[in-house]
Amino acid sequence: LFHDSFSPYRLLAIFFLMSCLFCFSLESFKEKGHWDVRGIIFALIGVVLDAGGLLLTKQAFEISPQLSPFLANAIRSGATVLGFFLMSLIPYFGISLVKTYSGLAKKDKWMTVQASFLGTFVALGFYLQAIQIGHLPTISAIAGTCPLFATVIEVTKGKKKFTRYLGLAIVSFIIGVGILILI
């Protein structure tokens, strides 16, 4: 797909990167005593939809080489805002953007804007740059390790304790990235 080669080493690296997510799922299973099937189904739906968006974006970069990641990000962000606006018009979804945002405290409004800018706009810009120049399955596997980084930040801030599952996830991440860098 998209003329990307797929070596066995990349497959092994992707396996280790994806094992980070499995470690977190297993930890949740051990804590709760059951798999969160509903959450897993919604996550899979989200992953499939995101993968479709990534494939379309990669194809757009190949069809239009002059398309920059910044412009692609602006188009995707604008389409997202339009999508949420249209969904807010349908009572079934229960989305009231203006009312909800207006009800936030000033500090929470500022935090929401910062998180949206950094966590969505800036992060997506880097992600689209990586997709434009990188190997799509590998980039997607690396992006899937986001819960690892979020958990490490929570541990360093003292909001979560370090567990053996987190340790295993970190080791899996290091092995996966090590394979990508060294081979």
Protein backbone atom coordinates (compact mmCIF):
# COMPACT_ATOMS: atom_id res chain seq x y z
CA LEU A 1 0.00 0.00 0.00
CA PHE A 2 1.41 3.43 -1.04
CA HIS A 3 4.56 1.65 -2.24
CA ASP A 4 5.83 1.14 1.32
CA SER A 5 8.05 -1.83 1.98
CA PHE A 6 7.22 -3.93 5.00
CA SER A 7 10.20 -5.79 6.44
CA PRO A 8 9.90 -8.50 9.09
CA TYR A 9 11.83 -6.22 11.45
CA ARG A 10 9.17 -3.53 11.15
CA LEU A 11 6.50 -6.15 11.85
CA LEU A 12 8.41 -7.20 14.98
CA ALA A 13 8.77 -3.55 16.06
CA ILE A 14 5.05 -2.96 15.51
CA PHE A 15 4.30 -6.06 17.60
CA PHE A 16 6.30 -4.66 20.53
CA LEU A 17 4.75 -1.20 20.16
CA MET A 18 1.23 -2.65 20.12
CA SER A 19 2.07 -4.83 23.13
CA CYS A 20 2.17 -1.60 25.17
CA LEU A 21 -1.59 -1.34 24.71
CA PHE A 22 -2.08 -4.99 25.59
CA CYS A 23 -0.20 -4.43 28.88
CA PHE A 24 -2.63 -1.67 29.84
CA SER A 25 -5.64 -3.77 28.85
CA LEU A 26 -4.32 -6.68 30.89
CA GLU A 27 -3.76 -4.41 33.89
CA SER A 28 -7.35 -3.18 33.64
CA PHE A 29 -8.57 -6.78 33.39
CA LYS A 30 -6.61 -7.76 36.52
CA GLU A 31 -8.03 -4.79 38.46
CA LYS A 32 -11.67 -5.17 37.36
CA GLY A 33 -11.84 -8.93 36.85
CA HIS A 34 -13.38 -8.55 33.39
CA TRP A 35 -12.57 -7.12 29.99
CA ASP A 36 -14.24 -3.80 29.30
CA VAL A 37 -15.92 -5.11 26.14
CA ARG A 38 -18.02 -2.01 25.48
CA GLY A 39 -14.97 0.24 25.75
CA ILE A 40 -12.93 -2.10 23.56
CA ILE A 41 -15.66 -2.11 20.88
CA PHE A 42 -15.85 1.71 20.85
CA ALA A 43 -12.05 1.89 20.74
CA LEU A 44 -11.95 -0.50 17.78
CA ILE A 45 -14.59 1.54 15.95
CA GLY A 46 -12.54 4.67 16.62
CA VAL A 47 -9.36 2.98 15.40
CA VAL A 48 -11.05 1.82 12.19
CA LEU A 49 -12.42 5.31 11.53
CA ASP A 50 -9.04 6.89 12.33
CA ALA A 51 -7.29 4.40 10.04
CA GLY A 52 -9.68 5.37 7.24
CA GLY A 53 -8.83 9.02 7.83
CA LEU A 54 -5.12 8.22 7.83
CA LEU A 55 -5.37 6.30 4.57
CA LEU A 56 -7.28 9.15 2.95
CA THR A 57 -4.74 11.67 4.26
CA LYS A 58 -1.79 9.61 3.02
CA GLN A 59 -3.51 9.31 -0.37
CA ALA A 60 -4.12 13.09 -0.42
CA PHE A 61 -0.40 13.66 0.20
CA GLU A 62 0.48 11.32 -2.68
CA ILE A 63 -2.04 12.85 -5.09
CA SER A 64 -1.17 16.45 -4.16
CA PRO A 65 2.52 16.72 -3.21
CA GLN A 66 2.09 20.47 -2.67
CA LEU A 67 -0.33 19.75 0.20
CA SER A 68 1.49 20.61 3.40
CA PRO A 69 0.77 18.92 6.73
CA PHE A 70 -0.27 22.34 8.07
CA LEU A 71 -2.92 22.79 5.36
CA ALA A 72 -4.11 19.19 5.77
CA ASN A 73 -4.35 19.80 9.52
CA ALA A 74 -6.36 23.00 8.98
CA ILE A 75 -8.76 21.15 6.66
CA ARG A 76 -9.17 18.25 9.11
CA SER A 77 -9.63 20.63 12.05
CA GLY A 78 -12.20 22.69 10.15
CA ALA A 79 -14.09 19.56 9.13
CA THR A 80 -14.06 18.43 12.76
CA VAL A 81 -15.52 21.71 13.99
CA LEU A 82 -18.18 21.54 11.27
CA GLY A 83 -18.95 17.93 12.22
CA PHE A 84 -19.38 18.79 15.90
CA PHE A 85 -21.53 21.79 15.02
CA LEU A 86 -23.81 19.64 12.85
CA MET A 87 -23.98 16.96 15.57
CA SER A 88 -24.95 19.63 18.12
CA LEU A 89 -28.02 20.41 16.00
CA ILE A 90 -29.30 16.85 16.43
CA PRO A 91 -30.80 16.31 19.92
CA TYR A 92 -29.96 12.58 19.89
CA PHE A 93 -26.25 13.28 20.35
CA GLY A 94 -26.79 15.56 23.38
CA ILE A 95 -23.97 17.90 22.39
CA SER A 96 -24.32 21.54 23.38
CA LEU A 97 -20.94 23.06 22.67
CA VAL A 98 -21.63 26.71 23.48
CA LYS A 99 -23.68 25.99 26.61
CA THR A 100 -21.12 23.52 27.97
CA TYR A 101 -18.14 25.78 27.23
CA SER A 102 -19.92 28.83 28.68
CA GLY A 103 -20.62 26.90 31.88
CA LEU A 104 -16.94 26.24 32.53
CA ALA A 105 -14.94 28.29 35.01
CA LYS A 106 -12.44 30.72 33.47
CA LYS A 107 -9.48 28.49 34.45
CA ASP A 108 -11.19 25.43 32.92
CA LYS A 109 -11.94 27.34 29.70
CA TRP A 110 -8.27 28.27 29.37
CA MET A 111 -7.18 24.70 30.13
CA THR A 112 -9.63 23.38 27.53
CA VAL A 113 -8.30 25.75 24.87
CA GLN A 114 -4.68 24.87 25.72
CA ALA A 115 -5.38 21.13 25.68
CA SER A 116 -7.23 21.42 22.40
CA PHE A 117 -4.47 23.44 20.79
CA LEU A 118 -1.56 21.31 21.99
CA GLY A 119 -3.26 17.93 22.18
CA THR A 120 -5.12 18.19 18.91
CA PHE A 121 -3.89 20.90 16.58
CA VAL A 122 -0.13 20.82 17.27
CA ALA A 123 -0.02 17.05 17.87
CA LEU A 124 -2.02 16.36 14.71
CA GLY A 125 0.31 18.64 12.75
CA PHE A 126 3.33 16.56 13.79
CA TYR A 127 1.38 13.35 13.19
CA LEU A 128 0.44 14.43 9.66
CA GLN A 129 4.06 15.40 8.98
CA ALA A 130 5.10 11.90 10.06
CA ILE A 131 2.41 10.32 7.86
CA GLN A 132 3.53 12.37 4.88
CA ILE A 133 7.13 11.22 5.10
CA GLY A 134 7.02 7.98 7.11
CA HIS A 135 5.95 4.36 6.93
CA LEU A 136 2.20 4.43 7.72
CA PRO A 137 1.87 1.18 9.74
CA THR A 138 4.93 2.05 11.83
CA ILE A 139 3.73 5.61 12.45
CA SER A 140 0.31 4.26 13.48
CA ALA A 141 1.89 1.76 15.88
CA ILE A 142 4.02 4.48 17.47
CA ALA A 143 0.94 6.71 17.82
CA GLY A 144 -0.81 3.83 19.56
CA THR A 145 1.64 4.12 22.44
CA CYS A 146 0.04 7.40 23.56
CA PRO A 147 -1.48 5.78 26.70
CA LEU A 148 2.05 4.80 27.73
CA PHE A 149 3.21 8.42 27.73
CA ALA A 150 0.04 9.63 29.46
CA THR A 151 0.52 7.01 32.19
CA VAL A 152 4.21 7.86 32.64
CA ILE A 153 3.23 11.52 33.11
CA GLU A 154 0.59 10.50 35.68
CA VAL A 155 3.17 8.41 37.54
CA THR A 156 5.71 11.25 37.61
CA LYS A 157 3.05 13.65 38.93
CA GLY A 158 2.13 11.17 41.67
CA LYS A 159 -1.41 10.58 40.42
CA LYS A 160 -0.81 6.90 39.65
CA LYS A 161 1.54 4.31 41.08
CA PHE A 162 4.16 2.52 39.01
CA THR A 163 3.04 -1.04 38.24
CA ARG A 164 4.71 -4.05 36.68
CA TYR A 165 2.34 -3.65 33.70
CA LEU A 166 3.64 -0.13 33.14
CA GLY A 167 7.18 -1.45 33.43
CA LEU A 168 6.42 -4.16 30.86
CA ALA A 169 4.83 -1.55 28.57
CA ILE A 170 7.93 0.65 28.84
CA VAL A 171 10.22 -2.28 28.06
CA SER A 172 8.05 -3.24 25.06
CA PHE A 173 8.16 0.36 23.82
CA ILE A 174 11.94 0.56 24.16
CA ILE A 175 12.40 -2.74 22.32
CA GLY A 176 10.01 -1.66 19.53
CA VAL A 177 11.64 1.72 19.03
CA GLY A 178 15.09 0.16 19.38
CA ILE A 179 14.31 -2.24 16.52
CA LEU A 180 13.10 0.67 14.36
CA ILE A 181 16.19 2.76 15.05
CA LEU A 182 18.86 0.07 14.93
CA ILE A 183 17.62 -2.04 12.04
